[in-house]
Amino acid sequence: MRQGYPRGVSAGAAPQQLYELWERQQWQAHAIELDRDIEDWAAFPDEERADVLWGLSSFFVGEERVTTQFSGLVMAYDNQSEEAFLTSQQVDEARHAQFFSRFYDTVFSIGGGMDAQLQEVRAELNEFAFNAL
């Protein structure tokens, strides 16, 4: 096995192998325990909160954008194995966005659902970028 690749996957892995690996490595965005995160966030220094929130917001927005924009790549598949693998990647991106939404609601107390959360964090990211100029 080459370094940097999951067990049983080589650098030239076929789409079917990648799909099978994905199938074996499932996780659930709504099953991850967040109690410790709530405690840690409550104890987090105020002067560092804005930086952490900005960094995580960048990922949150990125995960949602990749989920939405990945459809074009999925539709460019060459064969059914490739299509299965590419759709699994789109599902993972959606799962990441779901996790961030849950994390924002549970840990940061920024609720209202994913659309409202993304609207709020986009505004903050844009304000930060504008003020940095």
C-alpha atoms as a PDB file:
ATOM      1  CA  MET A   1       0.000   0.000   0.000  1.00  0.00           C
ATOM      2  CA  ARG A   2       1.263   3.462  -0.838  1.00  0.00           C
ATOM      3  CA  GLN A   3       1.377   6.086   1.854  1.00  0.00           C
ATOM      4  CA  GLY A   4      -1.480   8.566   1.766  1.00  0.00           C
ATOM      5  CA  TYR A   5      -4.121   6.143   0.495  1.00  0.00           C
ATOM      6  CA  PRO A   6      -6.678   4.332   2.662  1.00  0.00           C
ATOM      7  CA  ARG A   7      -6.106   0.656   3.366  1.00  0.00           C
ATOM      8  CA  GLY A   8      -6.887  -1.421   0.314  1.00  0.00           C
ATOM      9  CA  VAL A   9      -6.819   1.514  -2.106  1.00  0.00           C
ATOM     10  CA  SER A  10      -3.987   2.186  -4.512  1.00  0.00           C
ATOM     11  CA  ALA A  11      -3.146   5.357  -6.412  1.00  0.00           C
ATOM     12  CA  GLY A  12      -4.833   3.974  -9.524  1.00  0.00           C
ATOM     13  CA  ALA A  13      -7.961   2.706  -7.803  1.00  0.00           C
ATOM     14  CA  ALA A  14     -10.936   2.149 -10.047  1.00  0.00           C
ATOM     15  CA  PRO A  15     -14.172   4.015  -9.369  1.00  0.00           C
ATOM     16  CA  GLN A  16     -15.814   0.763  -8.231  1.00  0.00           C
ATOM     17  CA  GLN A  17     -13.096   0.238  -5.592  1.00  0.00           C
ATOM     18  CA  LEU A  18     -13.572   3.816  -4.396  1.00  0.00           C
ATOM     19  CA  TYR A  19     -17.327   3.333  -4.176  1.00  0.00           C
ATOM     20  CA  GLU A  20     -16.910   0.136  -2.143  1.00  0.00           C
ATOM     21  CA  LEU A  21     -14.537   1.920   0.225  1.00  0.00           C
ATOM     22  CA  TRP A  22     -17.082   4.724   0.652  1.00  0.00           C
ATOM     23  CA  GLU A  23     -19.787   2.177   1.442  1.00  0.00           C
ATOM     24  CA  ARG A  24     -17.671   0.652   4.231  1.00  0.00           C
ATOM     25  CA  GLN A  25     -16.856   4.008   5.843  1.00  0.00           C
ATOM     26  CA  GLN A  26     -20.231   5.538   6.612  1.00  0.00           C
ATOM     27  CA  TRP A  27     -20.917   8.037   9.374  1.00  0.00           C
ATOM     28  CA  GLN A  28     -23.996   9.972  10.417  1.00  0.00           C
ATOM     29  CA  ALA A  29     -23.935  13.754  10.788  1.00  0.00           C
ATOM     30  CA  HIS A  30     -26.702  13.657  13.391  1.00  0.00           C
ATOM     31  CA  ALA A  31     -25.216  10.833  15.462  1.00  0.00           C
ATOM     32  CA  ILE A  32     -21.999  12.568  16.526  1.00  0.00           C
ATOM     33  CA  GLU A  33     -22.034  13.538  20.196  1.00  0.00           C
ATOM     34  CA  LEU A  34     -21.557  17.290  20.716  1.00  0.00           C
ATOM     35  CA  ASP A  35     -21.791  17.671  24.510  1.00  0.00           C
ATOM     36  CA  ARG A  36     -18.036  18.104  24.886  1.00  0.00           C
ATOM     37  CA  ASP A  37     -18.006  20.674  22.079  1.00  0.00           C
ATOM     38  CA  ILE A  38     -20.696  22.693  23.866  1.00  0.00           C
ATOM     39  CA  GLU A  39     -18.610  22.675  27.054  1.00  0.00           C
ATOM     40  CA  ASP A  40     -15.394  23.535  25.234  1.00  0.00           C
ATOM     41  CA  TRP A  41     -17.032  26.407  23.339  1.00  0.00           C
ATOM     42  CA  ALA A  42     -18.451  27.849  26.559  1.00  0.00           C
ATOM     43  CA  ALA A  43     -14.917  27.930  27.986  1.00  0.00           C
ATOM     44  CA  PHE A  44     -13.308  29.264  24.799  1.00  0.00           C
ATOM     45  CA  PRO A  45     -11.599  32.671  25.175  1.00  0.00           C
ATOM     46  CA  ASP A  46     -13.733  35.472  23.751  1.00  0.00           C
ATOM     47  CA  GLU A  47     -10.809  36.962  21.825  1.00  0.00           C
ATOM     48  CA  GLU A  48     -10.394  33.707  19.859  1.00  0.00           C
ATOM     49  CA  ARG A  49     -14.072  32.958  19.178  1.00  0.00           C
ATOM     50  CA  ALA A  50     -14.360  35.226  16.138  1.00  0.00           C
ATOM     51  CA  ASP A  51     -11.372  33.564  14.437  1.00  0.00           C
ATOM     52  CA  VAL A  52     -12.691  30.051  15.078  1.00  0.00           C
ATOM     53  CA  LEU A  53     -16.172  30.996  13.912  1.00  0.00           C
ATOM     54  CA  TRP A  54     -14.772  32.634  10.764  1.00  0.00           C
ATOM     55  CA  GLY A  55     -12.645  29.584   9.924  1.00  0.00           C
ATOM     56  CA  LEU A  56     -15.476  27.114  10.465  1.00  0.00           C
ATOM     57  CA  SER A  57     -17.890  29.360   8.574  1.00  0.00           C
ATOM     58  CA  SER A  58     -15.560  29.250   5.585  1.00  0.00           C
ATOM     59  CA  PHE A  59     -15.740  25.448   5.649  1.00  0.00           C
ATOM     60  CA  PHE A  60     -19.523  25.468   6.163  1.00  0.00           C
ATOM     61  CA  VAL A  61     -20.105  27.697   3.139  1.00  0.00           C
ATOM     62  CA  GLY A  62     -17.582  25.679   1.133  1.00  0.00           C
ATOM     63  CA  GLU A  63     -19.265  22.365   1.902  1.00  0.00           C
ATOM     64  CA  GLU A  64     -22.654  23.730   0.867  1.00  0.00           C
ATOM     65  CA  ARG A  65     -21.241  25.177  -2.369  1.00  0.00           C
ATOM     66  CA  VAL A  66     -19.456  21.945  -3.298  1.00  0.00           C
ATOM     67  CA  THR A  67     -22.654  19.990  -2.622  1.00  0.00           C
ATOM     68  CA  THR A  68     -24.581  22.262  -4.953  1.00  0.00           C
ATOM     69  CA  GLN A  69     -21.977  22.616  -7.684  1.00  0.00           C
ATOM     70  CA  PHE A  70     -20.870  18.965  -7.784  1.00  0.00           C
ATOM     71  CA  SER A  71     -23.830  17.947  -9.962  1.00  0.00           C
ATOM     72  CA  GLY A  72     -22.026  18.972 -13.137  1.00  0.00           C
ATOM     73  CA  LEU A  73     -19.144  16.644 -12.369  1.00  0.00           C
ATOM     74  CA  VAL A  74     -21.508  13.814 -11.472  1.00  0.00           C
ATOM     75  CA  MET A  75     -23.236  14.178 -14.832  1.00  0.00           C
ATOM     76  CA  ALA A  76     -19.897  13.864 -16.659  1.00  0.00           C
ATOM     77  CA  TYR A  77     -19.387  10.213 -15.680  1.00  0.00           C
ATOM     78  CA  ASP A  78     -17.971   7.730 -18.192  1.00  0.00           C
ATOM     79  CA  ASN A  79     -19.541   4.568 -16.787  1.00  0.00           C
ATOM     80  CA  GLN A  80     -21.894   3.370 -14.069  1.00  0.00           C
ATOM     81  CA  SER A  81     -19.124   2.667 -11.555  1.00  0.00           C
ATOM     82  CA  GLU A  82     -17.850   6.203 -11.965  1.00  0.00           C
ATOM     83  CA  GLU A  83     -21.376   7.577 -11.563  1.00  0.00           C
ATOM     84  CA  ALA A  84     -21.869   5.584  -8.341  1.00  0.00           C
ATOM     85  CA  PHE A  85     -18.585   6.847  -6.900  1.00  0.00           C
ATOM     86  CA  LEU A  86     -19.195  10.483  -7.899  1.00  0.00           C
ATOM     87  CA  THR A  87     -22.687  10.502  -6.388  1.00  0.00           C
ATOM     88  CA  SER A  88     -21.240   9.091  -3.158  1.00  0.00           C
ATOM     89  CA  GLN A  89     -18.910  12.082  -3.021  1.00  0.00           C
ATOM     90  CA  GLN A  90     -21.808  14.481  -3.489  1.00  0.00           C
ATOM     91  CA  VAL A  91     -23.644  12.732  -0.648  1.00  0.00           C
ATOM     92  CA  ASP A  92     -20.572  13.162   1.566  1.00  0.00           C
ATOM     93  CA  GLU A  93     -20.443  16.877   0.823  1.00  0.00           C
ATOM     94  CA  ALA A  94     -24.123  17.189   1.759  1.00  0.00           C
ATOM     95  CA  ARG A  95     -23.418  15.232   4.941  1.00  0.00           C
ATOM     96  CA  HIS A  96     -20.591  17.650   5.825  1.00  0.00           C
ATOM     97  CA  ALA A  97     -22.949  20.601   5.344  1.00  0.00           C
ATOM     98  CA  GLN A  98     -25.569  18.856   7.493  1.00  0.00           C
ATOM     99  CA  PHE A  99     -23.009  18.358  10.230  1.00  0.00           C
ATOM    100  CA  PHE A 100     -21.986  22.025  10.153  1.00  0.00           C
ATOM    101  CA  SER A 101     -25.633  23.080  10.354  1.00  0.00           C
ATOM    102  CA  ARG A 102     -26.170  20.852  13.361  1.00  0.00           C
ATOM    103  CA  PHE A 103     -22.927  22.053  14.967  1.00  0.00           C
ATOM    104  CA  TYR A 104     -23.872  25.710  14.461  1.00  0.00           C
ATOM    105  CA  ASP A 105     -27.285  25.125  15.996  1.00  0.00           C
ATOM    106  CA  THR A 106     -26.104  22.987  18.914  1.00  0.00           C
ATOM    107  CA  VAL A 107     -22.728  24.489  19.793  1.00  0.00           C
ATOM    108  CA  PHE A 108     -22.806  28.086  18.527  1.00  0.00           C
ATOM    109  CA  SER A 109     -26.572  28.595  19.098  1.00  0.00           C
ATOM    110  CA  ILE A 110     -26.991  29.860  15.538  1.00  0.00           C
ATOM    111  CA  GLY A 111     -30.244  28.200  14.505  1.00  0.00           C
ATOM    112  CA  GLY A 112     -33.030  28.730  12.043  1.00  0.00           C
ATOM    113  CA  GLY A 113     -32.070  25.919   9.686  1.00  0.00           C
ATOM    114  CA  MET A 114     -29.293  25.645   7.150  1.00  0.00           C
ATOM    115  CA  ASP A 115     -30.553  28.389   4.821  1.00  0.00           C
ATOM    116  CA  ALA A 116     -30.733  30.944   7.632  1.00  0.00           C
ATOM    117  CA  GLN A 117     -27.378  29.846   9.054  1.00  0.00           C
ATOM    118  CA  LEU A 118     -25.667  30.141   5.682  1.00  0.00           C
ATOM    119  CA  GLN A 119     -27.179  33.564   5.097  1.00  0.00           C
ATOM    120  CA  GLU A 120     -25.819  34.738   8.455  1.00  0.00           C
ATOM    121  CA  VAL A 121     -22.328  33.274   8.063  1.00  0.00           C
ATOM    122  CA  ARG A 122     -22.010  34.506   4.465  1.00  0.00           C
ATOM    123  CA  ALA A 123     -22.803  38.028   5.647  1.00  0.00           C
ATOM    124  CA  GLU A 124     -20.152  37.765   8.362  1.00  0.00           C
ATOM    125  CA  LEU A 125     -17.561  36.334   5.958  1.00  0.00           C
ATOM    126  CA  ASN A 126     -18.280  39.064   3.413  1.00  0.00           C
ATOM    127  CA  GLU A 127     -18.101  41.786   6.076  1.00  0.00           C
ATOM    128  CA  PHE A 128     -14.770  40.411   7.289  1.00  0.00           C
ATOM    129  CA  ALA A 129     -13.378  40.293   3.744  1.00  0.00           C
ATOM    130  CA  PHE A 130     -14.610  43.832   3.021  1.00  0.00           C
ATOM    131  CA  ASN A 131     -13.075  45.201   6.233  1.00  0.00           C
ATOM    132  CA  ALA A 132      -9.757  43.451   5.495  1.00  0.00           C
ATOM    133  CA  LEU A 133      -9.331  45.457   2.272  1.00  0.00           C
END
